[in-house]
């Protein structure tokens, strides 16, 4: 019997959030982004073309996946601006962990951060 669309979509359910130990911050949770969210962030990183990651992209990357234990987003994209006046080292640790654990673009991001 052929698979129906609803069956396929049911199998593509969002994965549970990931608990990540971030140095100096303890355990934080990252939800897996939707395909659209992942695509937006990935394309934005690719457009950097070796340039350092701009602050707005870094904060949006973190805000998109930062979640509670149940996978509910803690911040909207508009809330991401609130991260910009926080400790840079802590934000970069969150960013690096998010990219390595849920976005899968760490090679591109690490190359951009070297410049």
N, C-alpha and C. Protein backbone atom coordinates (compact mmCIF):
# COMPACT_ATOMS: atom_id res chain seq x y z
N UNK A 1 0.85 -1.17 0.00
CA UNK A 1 0.00 0.00 0.00
C UNK A 1 0.90 1.25 0.00
N UNK A 2 0.67 2.20 -0.89
CA UNK A 2 1.51 3.39 -0.97
C UNK A 2 1.32 4.28 0.27
N UNK A 3 2.39 4.96 0.62
CA UNK A 3 2.35 5.87 1.76
C UNK A 3 1.54 7.11 1.41
N UNK A 4 0.78 7.58 2.37
CA UNK A 4 0.00 8.80 2.19
C UNK A 4 0.77 9.98 2.76
N UNK A 5 0.45 11.15 2.26
CA UNK A 5 1.14 12.35 2.67
C UNK A 5 1.10 12.55 4.19
N UNK A 6 -0.07 12.36 4.78
CA UNK A 6 -0.18 12.54 6.23
C UNK A 6 0.71 11.56 6.98
N UNK A 7 0.86 10.35 6.47
CA UNK A 7 1.75 9.37 7.10
C UNK A 7 3.20 9.87 7.04
N UNK A 8 3.60 10.36 5.88
CA UNK A 8 4.95 10.87 5.72
C UNK A 8 5.20 12.06 6.62
N UNK A 9 4.28 13.02 6.64
CA UNK A 9 4.45 14.20 7.48
C UNK A 9 4.51 13.82 8.95
N UNK A 10 3.76 12.81 9.36
CA UNK A 10 3.82 12.33 10.74
C UNK A 10 5.17 11.76 11.09
N UNK A 11 5.85 11.17 10.13
CA UNK A 11 7.18 10.62 10.36
C UNK A 11 8.26 11.70 10.38
N UNK A 12 7.91 12.90 9.92
CA UNK A 12 8.86 14.01 9.88
C UNK A 12 8.68 14.94 11.08
N UNK A 13 8.20 14.38 12.16
CA UNK A 13 7.98 15.18 13.36
C UNK A 13 9.29 15.80 13.84
N UNK A 14 9.17 16.92 14.51
CA UNK A 14 10.33 17.62 15.04
C UNK A 14 10.97 16.80 16.15
N UNK A 15 12.28 16.72 16.12
CA UNK A 15 13.02 15.99 17.15
C UNK A 15 12.97 16.73 18.48
N UNK A 16 13.14 16.00 19.57
CA UNK A 16 13.13 16.66 20.89
C UNK A 16 14.34 17.58 21.04
N UNK A 17 14.24 18.54 21.97
CA UNK A 17 15.36 19.44 22.18
C UNK A 17 16.59 18.70 22.69
N UNK A 18 17.74 19.35 22.50
CA UNK A 18 19.02 18.78 22.91
C UNK A 18 19.51 19.56 24.12
N UNK A 19 19.87 18.84 25.18
CA UNK A 19 20.48 19.48 26.35
C UNK A 19 21.97 19.60 26.08
N UNK A 20 22.50 20.80 26.25
CA UNK A 20 23.91 21.06 25.96
C UNK A 20 24.53 21.77 27.15
N UNK A 21 25.69 21.28 27.58
CA UNK A 21 26.46 21.96 28.62
C UNK A 21 27.30 23.04 27.95
N UNK A 22 27.07 24.26 28.36
CA UNK A 22 27.82 25.39 27.81
C UNK A 22 28.66 25.96 28.94
N UNK A 23 29.96 25.98 28.74
CA UNK A 23 30.90 26.45 29.75
C UNK A 23 30.47 27.79 30.32
N UNK A 24 30.34 27.86 31.62
CA UNK A 24 29.97 29.09 32.29
C UNK A 24 28.48 29.36 32.34
N UNK A 25 27.69 28.61 31.59
CA UNK A 25 26.24 28.83 31.56
C UNK A 25 25.45 27.64 32.06
N UNK A 26 26.09 26.48 32.16
CA UNK A 26 25.39 25.29 32.59
C UNK A 26 24.64 24.63 31.45
N UNK A 27 23.56 23.95 31.79
CA UNK A 27 22.77 23.25 30.78
C UNK A 27 21.79 24.22 30.13
N UNK A 28 21.84 24.24 28.81
CA UNK A 28 20.86 24.99 28.02
C UNK A 28 20.22 24.00 27.05
N UNK A 29 19.08 24.37 26.52
CA UNK A 29 18.37 23.50 25.58
C UNK A 29 18.26 24.18 24.23
N UNK A 30 18.49 23.39 23.21
CA UNK A 30 18.33 23.85 21.84
C UNK A 30 17.29 22.99 21.16
N UNK A 31 16.31 23.63 20.57
CA UNK A 31 15.33 22.92 19.76
C UNK A 31 15.90 22.79 18.35
N UNK A 32 15.44 21.81 17.63
CA UNK A 32 15.85 21.66 16.23
C UNK A 32 15.00 22.61 15.40
N UNK A 33 15.64 23.41 14.57
CA UNK A 33 14.88 24.37 13.77
C UNK A 33 14.04 23.66 12.71
N UNK A 34 12.99 24.34 12.29
CA UNK A 34 12.23 23.83 11.15
C UNK A 34 13.13 23.91 9.92
N UNK A 35 12.74 23.27 8.85
CA UNK A 35 13.54 23.33 7.63
C UNK A 35 13.68 24.78 7.16
N UNK A 36 12.59 25.54 7.24
CA UNK A 36 12.64 26.94 6.81
C UNK A 36 13.62 27.76 7.66
N UNK A 37 13.57 27.57 8.98
CA UNK A 37 14.50 28.28 9.87
C UNK A 37 15.94 27.87 9.58
N UNK A 38 16.17 26.58 9.43
CA UNK A 38 17.51 26.07 9.13
C UNK A 38 18.02 26.67 7.82
N UNK A 39 17.17 26.67 6.81
CA UNK A 39 17.55 27.20 5.50
C UNK A 39 17.91 28.68 5.60
N UNK A 40 17.08 29.47 6.28
CA UNK A 40 17.36 30.90 6.42
C UNK A 40 18.72 31.15 7.05
N UNK A 41 19.02 30.45 8.13
CA UNK A 41 20.30 30.65 8.82
C UNK A 41 21.46 30.14 7.98
N UNK A 42 21.29 28.99 7.35
CA UNK A 42 22.36 28.42 6.53
C UNK A 42 22.69 29.34 5.35
N UNK A 43 21.69 29.83 4.67
CA UNK A 43 21.91 30.73 3.53
C UNK A 43 22.60 32.01 4.01
N UNK A 44 22.16 32.55 5.13
CA UNK A 44 22.78 33.77 5.65
C UNK A 44 24.25 33.55 5.95
N UNK A 45 24.59 32.38 6.51
CA UNK A 45 26.00 32.08 6.78
C UNK A 45 26.79 31.92 5.48
N UNK A 46 26.20 31.28 4.49
CA UNK A 46 26.90 31.09 3.22
C UNK A 46 27.17 32.42 2.53
N UNK A 47 26.28 33.36 2.69
CA UNK A 47 26.44 34.68 2.06
C UNK A 47 27.58 35.48 2.68
N UNK A 48 28.05 35.06 3.85
CA UNK A 48 29.15 35.78 4.48
C UNK A 48 30.43 35.68 3.66
N UNK A 49 30.58 34.57 2.92
CA UNK A 49 31.72 34.39 2.02
C UNK A 49 33.05 34.73 2.69
N UNK A 50 33.28 34.15 3.87
CA UNK A 50 34.55 34.35 4.55
C UNK A 50 34.61 35.57 5.44
N UNK A 51 33.58 36.39 5.43
CA UNK A 51 33.56 37.57 6.29
C UNK A 51 33.12 37.17 7.70
N UNK A 52 33.54 37.89 8.71
CA UNK A 52 33.09 37.58 10.08
C UNK A 52 31.57 37.63 10.20
N UNK A 53 31.03 36.76 11.04
CA UNK A 53 29.58 36.71 11.24
C UNK A 53 29.08 38.00 11.88
N UNK A 54 28.12 38.67 11.27
CA UNK A 54 27.59 39.88 11.87
C UNK A 54 26.78 39.56 13.13
N UNK A 55 26.76 40.51 14.04
CA UNK A 55 26.09 40.31 15.33
C UNK A 55 24.63 39.89 15.16
N UNK A 56 23.90 40.52 14.27
CA UNK A 56 22.48 40.19 14.10
C UNK A 56 22.29 38.74 13.69
N UNK A 57 23.17 38.21 12.85
CA UNK A 57 23.06 36.82 12.44
C UNK A 57 23.39 35.89 13.60
N UNK A 58 24.39 36.23 14.38
CA UNK A 58 24.76 35.41 15.53
C UNK A 58 23.61 35.35 16.52
N UNK A 59 23.04 36.49 16.86
CA UNK A 59 21.96 36.50 17.85
C UNK A 59 20.71 35.82 17.31
N UNK A 60 20.41 35.99 16.03
CA UNK A 60 19.24 35.29 15.45
C UNK A 60 19.47 33.78 15.44
N UNK A 61 20.68 33.36 15.13
CA UNK A 61 21.01 31.93 15.12
C UNK A 61 20.75 31.32 16.49
N UNK A 62 21.19 31.98 17.53
CA UNK A 62 20.98 31.49 18.89
C UNK A 62 19.51 31.55 19.27
N UNK A 63 18.88 32.69 19.05
CA UNK A 63 17.49 32.87 19.45
C UNK A 63 16.54 31.88 18.77
N UNK A 64 16.85 31.49 17.56
CA UNK A 64 15.99 30.57 16.81
C UNK A 64 15.91 29.21 17.48
N UNK A 65 16.98 28.77 18.11
CA UNK A 65 16.98 27.41 18.66
C UNK A 65 17.01 27.33 20.18
N UNK A 66 17.29 28.42 20.87
CA UNK A 66 17.31 28.40 22.33
C UNK A 66 15.90 28.09 22.81
N UNK A 67 15.76 27.07 23.68
CA UNK A 67 14.42 26.62 24.07
C UNK A 67 14.39 26.20 25.53
N UNK A 68 13.19 25.88 25.98
CA UNK A 68 13.05 25.27 27.30
C UNK A 68 13.18 23.75 27.12
N UNK A 69 13.03 23.01 28.20
CA UNK A 69 13.18 21.55 28.15
C UNK A 69 12.18 20.88 27.23
N UNK A 70 11.05 21.52 26.98
CA UNK A 70 10.00 20.95 26.14
C UNK A 70 10.15 21.33 24.67
N UNK A 71 11.16 22.13 24.36
CA UNK A 71 11.37 22.53 22.97
C UNK A 71 10.65 23.81 22.58
N UNK A 72 10.06 24.53 23.54
CA UNK A 72 9.39 25.79 23.24
C UNK A 72 10.44 26.90 23.16
N UNK A 73 10.41 27.67 22.07
CA UNK A 73 11.36 28.77 21.90
C UNK A 73 11.30 29.72 23.09
N UNK A 74 12.49 30.14 23.54
CA UNK A 74 12.57 31.12 24.61
C UNK A 74 12.49 32.55 24.08
N UNK A 75 12.90 32.73 22.82
CA UNK A 75 12.97 34.06 22.25
C UNK A 75 12.39 34.09 20.85
N UNK A 76 11.80 35.21 20.50
CA UNK A 76 11.41 35.43 19.11
C UNK A 76 12.61 36.01 18.38
N UNK A 77 12.53 36.12 17.08
CA UNK A 77 13.61 36.77 16.34
C UNK A 77 13.78 38.22 16.78
N UNK A 78 12.68 38.86 17.17
CA UNK A 78 12.77 40.24 17.64
C UNK A 78 13.47 40.30 19.01
N UNK A 79 13.27 39.28 19.84
CA UNK A 79 13.94 39.22 21.15
C UNK A 79 15.45 39.03 21.01
N UNK A 80 15.88 38.53 19.88
CA UNK A 80 17.31 38.25 19.68
C UNK A 80 18.17 39.48 19.93
N UNK A 81 17.64 40.64 19.64
CA UNK A 81 18.37 41.90 19.86
C UNK A 81 18.80 42.03 21.33
N UNK A 82 18.03 41.44 22.24
CA UNK A 82 18.35 41.53 23.66
C UNK A 82 19.67 40.83 23.99
N UNK A 83 20.09 39.92 23.14
CA UNK A 83 21.36 39.23 23.37
C UNK A 83 22.56 40.12 23.06
N UNK A 84 22.36 41.14 22.26
CA UNK A 84 23.48 41.94 21.76
C UNK A 84 24.19 42.74 22.84
N UNK A 85 23.54 43.00 23.96
CA UNK A 85 24.21 43.76 25.01
C UNK A 85 24.69 42.87 26.16
N UNK A 86 24.78 41.57 25.89
CA UNK A 86 25.26 40.62 26.90
C UNK A 86 26.72 40.28 26.63
N UNK A 87 27.29 39.51 27.54
CA UNK A 87 28.70 39.13 27.44
C UNK A 87 29.01 38.44 26.10
N UNK A 88 29.93 39.01 25.36
CA UNK A 88 30.25 38.49 24.02
C UNK A 88 30.75 37.05 24.07
N UNK A 89 31.58 36.74 25.04
CA UNK A 89 32.12 35.38 25.15
C UNK A 89 31.01 34.36 25.38
N UNK A 90 30.07 34.70 26.25
CA UNK A 90 28.95 33.79 26.54
C UNK A 90 28.07 33.60 25.30
N UNK A 91 27.80 34.70 24.58
CA UNK A 91 26.97 34.60 23.38
C UNK A 91 27.68 33.74 22.33
N UNK A 92 28.99 33.91 22.19
CA UNK A 92 29.73 33.11 21.21
C UNK A 92 29.76 31.64 21.61
N UNK A 93 29.80 31.34 22.90
CA UNK A 93 29.74 29.93 23.33
C UNK A 93 28.38 29.33 22.99
N UNK A 94 27.31 30.10 23.21
CA UNK A 94 25.97 29.64 22.83
C UNK A 94 25.87 29.43 21.32
N UNK A 95 26.38 30.39 20.58
CA UNK A 95 26.35 30.34 19.12
C UNK A 95 27.10 29.12 18.60
N UNK A 96 28.31 28.92 19.09
CA UNK A 96 29.12 27.78 18.64
C UNK A 96 28.42 26.46 18.96
N UNK A 97 27.88 26.36 20.17
CA UNK A 97 27.18 25.13 20.56
C UNK A 97 25.95 24.90 19.69
N UNK A 98 25.19 25.96 19.43
CA UNK A 98 23.98 25.83 18.60
C UNK A 98 24.33 25.37 17.19
N UNK A 99 25.35 25.97 16.62
CA UNK A 99 25.75 25.63 15.26
C UNK A 99 26.26 24.20 15.19
N UNK A 100 27.07 23.80 16.16
CA UNK A 100 27.62 22.45 16.15
C UNK A 100 26.57 21.39 16.43
N UNK A 101 25.61 21.68 17.29
CA UNK A 101 24.65 20.66 17.72
C UNK A 101 23.38 20.57 16.90
N UNK A 102 22.89 21.69 16.35
CA UNK A 102 21.59 21.60 15.66
C UNK A 102 21.55 22.14 14.25
N UNK A 103 22.48 22.98 13.86
CA UNK A 103 22.42 23.54 12.51
C UNK A 103 23.23 22.74 11.49
N UNK A 104 24.31 22.14 11.91
CA UNK A 104 25.12 21.35 10.99
C UNK A 104 25.86 22.17 9.96
N UNK A 105 26.19 23.41 10.28
CA UNK A 105 26.95 24.25 9.36
C UNK A 105 28.26 24.69 10.00
N UNK A 106 28.75 23.90 10.97
CA UNK A 106 29.89 24.36 11.75
C UNK A 106 31.14 24.60 10.92
N UNK A 107 31.37 23.87 9.87
CA UNK A 107 32.53 24.10 9.03
C UNK A 107 32.50 25.48 8.40
N UNK A 108 31.36 25.88 7.89
CA UNK A 108 31.22 27.19 7.27
C UNK A 108 31.36 28.30 8.30
N UNK A 109 30.78 28.10 9.47
CA UNK A 109 30.83 29.12 10.50
C UNK A 109 32.23 29.26 11.05
N UNK A 110 32.91 28.15 11.29
CA UNK A 110 34.27 28.22 11.82
C UNK A 110 35.20 28.90 10.83
N UNK A 111 35.02 28.64 9.54
CA UNK A 111 35.83 29.33 8.53
C UNK A 111 35.58 30.82 8.58
N UNK A 112 34.32 31.22 8.72
CA UNK A 112 33.98 32.65 8.76
C UNK A 112 34.55 33.31 10.01
N UNK A 113 34.55 32.58 11.13
CA UNK A 113 35.03 33.16 12.39
C UNK A 113 36.55 33.32 12.40
N UNK A 114 37.27 32.56 11.58
CA UNK A 114 38.74 32.65 11.54
C UNK A 114 39.18 33.98 10.94
N UNK A 115 38.37 34.53 10.07
CA UNK A 115 38.74 35.77 9.37
C UNK A 115 38.47 37.00 10.20
